[in-house]
Amino acid sequence: ESRCYRFDITLRGRRANYFENDLT
């Protein structure tokens, strides 16, 4: 899960915030 999460952030740093909120 961590890999996909990091990969997504690298591809779209903007969505990183959204993903972080979902994970938290």
N, C-alpha and C. Protein backbone atom coordinates (compact mmCIF):
# COMPACT_ATOMS: atom_id res chain seq x y z
N GLU A 1 0.85 -1.19 0.00
CA GLU A 1 0.00 0.00 0.00
C GLU A 1 0.89 1.25 0.00
N SER A 2 1.94 1.21 0.76
CA SER A 2 2.83 2.39 0.85
C SER A 2 3.42 2.70 -0.53
N ARG A 3 3.77 1.67 -1.26
CA ARG A 3 4.38 1.89 -2.59
C ARG A 3 3.39 2.62 -3.50
N CYS A 4 2.20 2.10 -3.61
CA CYS A 4 1.19 2.74 -4.48
C CYS A 4 0.96 4.18 -4.02
N TYR A 5 0.90 4.37 -2.74
CA TYR A 5 0.66 5.71 -2.20
C TYR A 5 1.78 6.65 -2.65
N ARG A 6 3.02 6.21 -2.45
CA ARG A 6 4.18 7.08 -2.83
C ARG A 6 4.15 7.28 -4.35
N PHE A 7 3.89 6.24 -5.09
CA PHE A 7 3.88 6.35 -6.56
C PHE A 7 2.85 7.39 -7.00
N ASP A 8 1.67 7.33 -6.40
CA ASP A 8 0.62 8.29 -6.75
C ASP A 8 1.08 9.70 -6.47
N ILE A 9 1.72 9.91 -5.35
CA ILE A 9 2.18 11.26 -4.98
C ILE A 9 3.18 11.76 -6.02
N THR A 10 4.08 10.87 -6.42
CA THR A 10 5.09 11.29 -7.40
C THR A 10 4.42 11.67 -8.72
N LEU A 11 3.41 10.92 -9.09
CA LEU A 11 2.72 11.20 -10.36
C LEU A 11 1.87 12.46 -10.25
N ARG A 12 1.18 12.59 -9.15
CA ARG A 12 0.33 13.78 -8.95
C ARG A 12 0.48 14.29 -7.52
N GLY A 13 1.52 15.08 -7.29
CA GLY A 13 1.78 15.63 -5.94
C GLY A 13 0.56 16.38 -5.42
N ARG A 14 -0.20 16.96 -6.33
CA ARG A 14 -1.39 17.74 -5.89
C ARG A 14 -2.37 16.80 -5.17
N ARG A 15 -2.55 15.61 -5.69
CA ARG A 15 -3.54 14.70 -5.06
C ARG A 15 -2.94 14.11 -3.78
N ALA A 16 -1.66 14.27 -3.56
CA ALA A 16 -1.00 13.73 -2.36
C ALA A 16 -1.78 14.16 -1.12
N ASN A 17 -2.18 15.40 -1.10
CA ASN A 17 -2.92 15.91 0.07
C ASN A 17 -4.22 15.12 0.24
N TYR A 18 -4.91 14.90 -0.84
CA TYR A 18 -6.18 14.16 -0.77
C TYR A 18 -5.94 12.74 -0.25
N PHE A 19 -4.93 12.09 -0.80
CA PHE A 19 -4.62 10.72 -0.37
C PHE A 19 -4.24 10.70 1.10
N GLU A 20 -3.43 11.66 1.50
CA GLU A 20 -2.99 11.72 2.91
C GLU A 20 -4.20 11.84 3.81
N ASN A 21 -5.13 12.67 3.45
CA ASN A 21 -6.33 12.84 4.27
C ASN A 21 -7.10 11.52 4.35
N ASP A 22 -7.17 10.82 3.25
CA ASP A 22 -7.90 9.55 3.23
C ASP A 22 -7.19 8.52 4.11
N LEU A 23 -5.87 8.50 4.03
CA LEU A 23 -5.10 7.53 4.81
C LEU A 23 -5.17 7.87 6.30
N THR A 24 -5.08 9.14 6.58
CA THR A 24 -5.11 9.55 8.01
C THR A 24 -6.50 9.31 8.48
